Amino acid sequence: MLSLVIFLPLAAAAVLALPRTGRAAGAVWIAAAAADLALAVALWATYPGGIGHETRLRWIPTVSAGYHIGVDGLSLPLIAMTCVLFLCCALYSARGPVSRSYAALFLFLQTVSVGLFAALDLLLFFVFFDLSIVGMYFVIAGWGHGDRARSALMFFLYTFLGSLVLLLGFIGLYVGGRTFDIADLARVPPFADRPGAAAVVLLAVGVGLAVKTPAVPLHTWLPPAHTDAPAAGSAVLAGVLLKMGAYGFARIAMPLLPGAWQRYAWVIICVGLAGVLYGALVALAQDDVKRLIAYTSVNHMGYILLALGAAGLAAPSAPRTLAVSGAVTQMVSHGLLTGALFLVAGVLWDRARTYDARRLGGVAATAPRLTALAALAAFGSLGLPGLSGFIAEFQIFAGVIGTGLPAAVVAGALGVTGILITAALFLRVLHRVFLGPPGEAGVTPDTRWPETAAIVPLLALSVLIGVAPRWLLDLIEPVSAAIVSLVGRP
């Protein structure tokens, strides 16, 4: 069934290549995305624990690379979130005519995204990782606005260069373990007795994944890519593609290079903390609403790196497990909330043809539904209790500070200031754009049904996680404990 979840969207994209399917492109996209979400829910309902729904086939036996896929508490929530977000983007795009190529590109991106989260082989992971870059490049270049060609090229060059560095790291892991299989490498970590080689491989893997996350200072491709991408493209880029980097740290770097992760845990923590503070401060200075949301992604992904770095500290396992659980929850929460924020920004662009907060104002008077959706997404993103952001960030800071190490306590306390800055910047946007006096660029009419139908489910899931998170945490916590156990090995 897992292979069906991966390749069903690609099969639907192939159907769109047939003649006389142009008028039905939007319907095919929505139907395929809805069917894929239903299959993902079935995967969740029948998940047996451990590595479930596993398939392992020979692919390139000369280098011990195989078609090895499976799900656990780390990948299954991200696969489900991916399917939800792609369906919401399909619904959002139904507000107007949808071209076959546009729908096919998003279906292609859905296949490579789900495939990456399910991959248990380094080479298979890399294939999906690289294909996601190609798909998003064409989305930005073909359907973006502003300086879309330059932004698409910058996105491609940065992330493709990062993927080449990542490939060098994967080759290093193969040289050390003589296999590309992630499960086999995790059982017997390569370079356990060669710390210098492990450090070099971790550097290559870390840089490759940090570009995609993105981590400061490798983030400079992100704001222009988001600003000039179409709304659905920005939602997928932030909600799904950024998670590929963070997921790679938890799936590959931490369990396969545990000794190096322990030795350089403070480097990871500092990089994460830099992202938290830098992303929040630069976002606070933005007048462009979409660039502001893009920089808050740098901030929120910094929380994830901060938590994953804390997992490598010499501290009791319980707080480190809590930090990792918070990081995985943050991946899901950020996908839902930031996806919703970018779709809200897309509505602003559709009505006013600008993201400039200085030209917008008084939106609440003409678009109350849009205002309510924007406010809920903003409050979730700043970590208000009752929404998913609070569940994620509380676990992260409780875990980091709970290690009891003085430097970790300071890092956690500094990270909390990021929440304060984020609150200030979102309240500033809400006041200037939605609650202030009318601006020169009017926003009317209010959200149409496809836009509402796309944004509401994302926020509803955020509320569900914020109010009753147990169903999600019960899935995440066992794998978080397993990752901490693997990282804790000498």
Foldseek 3Di string as FASTA:
>chain_A
DLVCLQCLLLVLLVVLVDPPCFQVQLVSLLVSLVVSLVVLVVCLVPAPADWPPWDWADDPVVQAFTQIFTDFLLLSLLLNLLSLLSNLLSLLVVVDRDGSVLSSLSSQLNNLLSQLSGGQFQVSNLVSLLVNLVSLLCQQCPPWDDPSPVLSVLSNVLLVVLSVLLVVLLVLQCVQQSHRGLVSLLVPAGCPVPLVSLLSSLVSNLSSLCLQLPWPPNPVSQLVSQNGGALSSNLCSLLGRNVSSLSCCLRHSQSRSLVNLLVCLVVLLVRLLCQQVVLLVVLLVDQQQRSSLRSLSSNLSSLLSNLQSLLSYPFDLVLNLLQNLLSSLSSSQRSLLSSLLSLLCNLVCVQQVGRGLQQAAQQCVAAVPSLVLLVLSLCLSLQPFLFSNVSSLVSNLCSQCVRVDPVSVVSSVSSVVSSVSSVVSSVVSSCSHHVDDGGNGHRDHYDDPSSCVSNVVSSVVRSCCRVPVPSSSVRNSVVSSVSSVSSPDD
